[in-house]
Amino acid sequence: MNYSYPLNESWSTEEIIDVVNYYSIIEKVYEKGVAKQDLMLAYHRFKQIVPSKSEEKQLDRQFEKQSGYVPFRVIKKAKTLEQHEIVNL
């Protein structure tokens, strides 16, 4: 990984850790797969930190530009799966 995660300077240390965890899980979905439950827990915490849809899209675009991974596709696919399935792209 030769890129940085999109972060907001106003977030607390705990919030930064949780957002980094979310984007790390997005990476894992592409690389080897992740349990839907783990992904959705991280996404719900991310949405607590970033409730604005426009800010979420902005952060996701930054992440996609740097990593090539698309969080929207991951979440969209996860929502179609049963609770205990593995999300993999």
Protein backbone atom coordinates (compact mmCIF):
# COMPACT_ATOMS: atom_id res chain seq x y z
CA MET A 1 0.00 0.00 0.00
CA ASN A 2 1.65 3.21 -1.17
CA TYR A 3 -1.18 5.64 -0.50
CA SER A 4 -2.86 7.38 2.40
CA TYR A 5 -6.42 7.19 3.61
CA PRO A 6 -8.69 10.22 3.24
CA LEU A 7 -9.08 11.78 6.67
CA ASN A 8 -10.65 14.88 8.19
CA GLU A 9 -8.47 16.88 10.58
CA SER A 10 -11.45 17.61 12.82
CA TRP A 11 -11.94 13.93 13.71
CA SER A 12 -10.82 12.58 17.06
CA THR A 13 -8.11 9.94 17.28
CA GLU A 14 -10.76 7.27 17.85
CA GLU A 15 -12.71 8.42 14.78
CA ILE A 16 -9.57 8.36 12.63
CA ILE A 17 -8.83 4.82 13.78
CA ASP A 18 -12.38 3.74 12.94
CA VAL A 19 -12.30 5.34 9.47
CA VAL A 20 -8.91 3.77 8.72
CA ASN A 21 -10.34 0.43 9.87
CA TYR A 22 -13.29 0.85 7.48
CA TYR A 23 -11.07 1.59 4.48
CA SER A 24 -8.76 -1.26 5.47
CA ILE A 25 -11.75 -3.63 5.41
CA ILE A 26 -12.68 -2.32 1.95
CA GLU A 27 -9.17 -3.29 0.81
CA LYS A 28 -9.55 -6.76 2.32
CA VAL A 29 -12.83 -7.30 0.45
CA TYR A 30 -10.94 -6.85 -2.82
CA GLU A 31 -7.90 -8.86 -1.76
CA LYS A 32 -9.37 -11.89 0.03
CA GLY A 33 -12.93 -11.28 1.19
CA VAL A 34 -14.48 -10.25 4.50
CA ALA A 35 -17.48 -11.45 6.48
CA LYS A 36 -20.49 -9.27 5.72
CA GLN A 37 -21.09 -8.72 9.43
CA ASP A 38 -17.58 -7.26 9.94
CA LEU A 39 -17.91 -5.02 6.90
CA MET A 40 -21.33 -3.70 7.88
CA LEU A 41 -20.25 -2.99 11.47
CA ALA A 42 -17.32 -0.94 10.15
CA TYR A 43 -19.59 0.82 7.64
CA HIS A 44 -22.16 1.73 10.30
CA ARG A 45 -19.41 3.20 12.48
CA PHE A 46 -18.07 5.09 9.44
CA LYS A 47 -21.57 6.52 8.87
CA GLN A 48 -21.70 7.71 12.48
CA ILE A 49 -18.51 9.68 11.83
CA VAL A 50 -19.48 10.76 8.29
CA PRO A 51 -23.28 11.09 8.24
CA SER A 52 -23.29 13.37 5.19
CA LYS A 53 -23.76 11.48 1.91
CA SER A 54 -21.83 14.17 0.00
CA GLU A 55 -18.85 13.94 2.39
CA GLU A 56 -18.96 10.14 2.16
CA LYS A 57 -18.85 10.35 -1.65
CA GLN A 58 -15.98 12.84 -1.53
CA LEU A 59 -13.93 10.64 0.82
CA ASP A 60 -14.73 7.53 -1.22
CA ARG A 61 -13.61 9.24 -4.45
CA GLN A 62 -10.33 10.21 -2.79
CA PHE A 63 -9.84 6.66 -1.58
CA GLU A 64 -10.70 5.21 -5.00
CA LYS A 65 -8.34 7.59 -6.77
CA GLN A 66 -5.44 6.54 -4.55
CA SER A 67 -6.20 2.82 -4.15
CA GLY A 68 -8.33 1.77 -7.10
CA TYR A 69 -10.86 0.25 -4.68
CA VAL A 70 -14.50 1.40 -4.86
CA PRO A 71 -16.26 1.45 -1.47
CA PHE A 72 -19.70 2.04 -3.04
CA ARG A 73 -19.49 -1.24 -5.00
CA VAL A 74 -18.46 -3.13 -1.87
CA ILE A 75 -21.34 -1.81 0.23
CA LYS A 76 -23.84 -2.27 -2.60
CA LYS A 77 -22.82 -5.93 -3.01
CA ALA A 78 -22.81 -6.55 0.74
CA LYS A 79 -26.39 -5.34 1.05
CA THR A 80 -27.50 -8.09 -1.36
CA LEU A 81 -25.87 -10.92 0.63
CA GLU A 82 -27.12 -12.94 3.57
CA GLN A 83 -25.78 -11.98 7.01
CA HIS A 84 -23.09 -14.68 7.31
CA GLU A 85 -21.76 -14.59 3.76
CA ILE A 86 -18.32 -13.44 2.68
CA VAL A 87 -18.13 -10.24 0.67
CA ASN A 88 -15.55 -10.58 -2.12
CA LEU A 89 -14.97 -8.65 -5.33
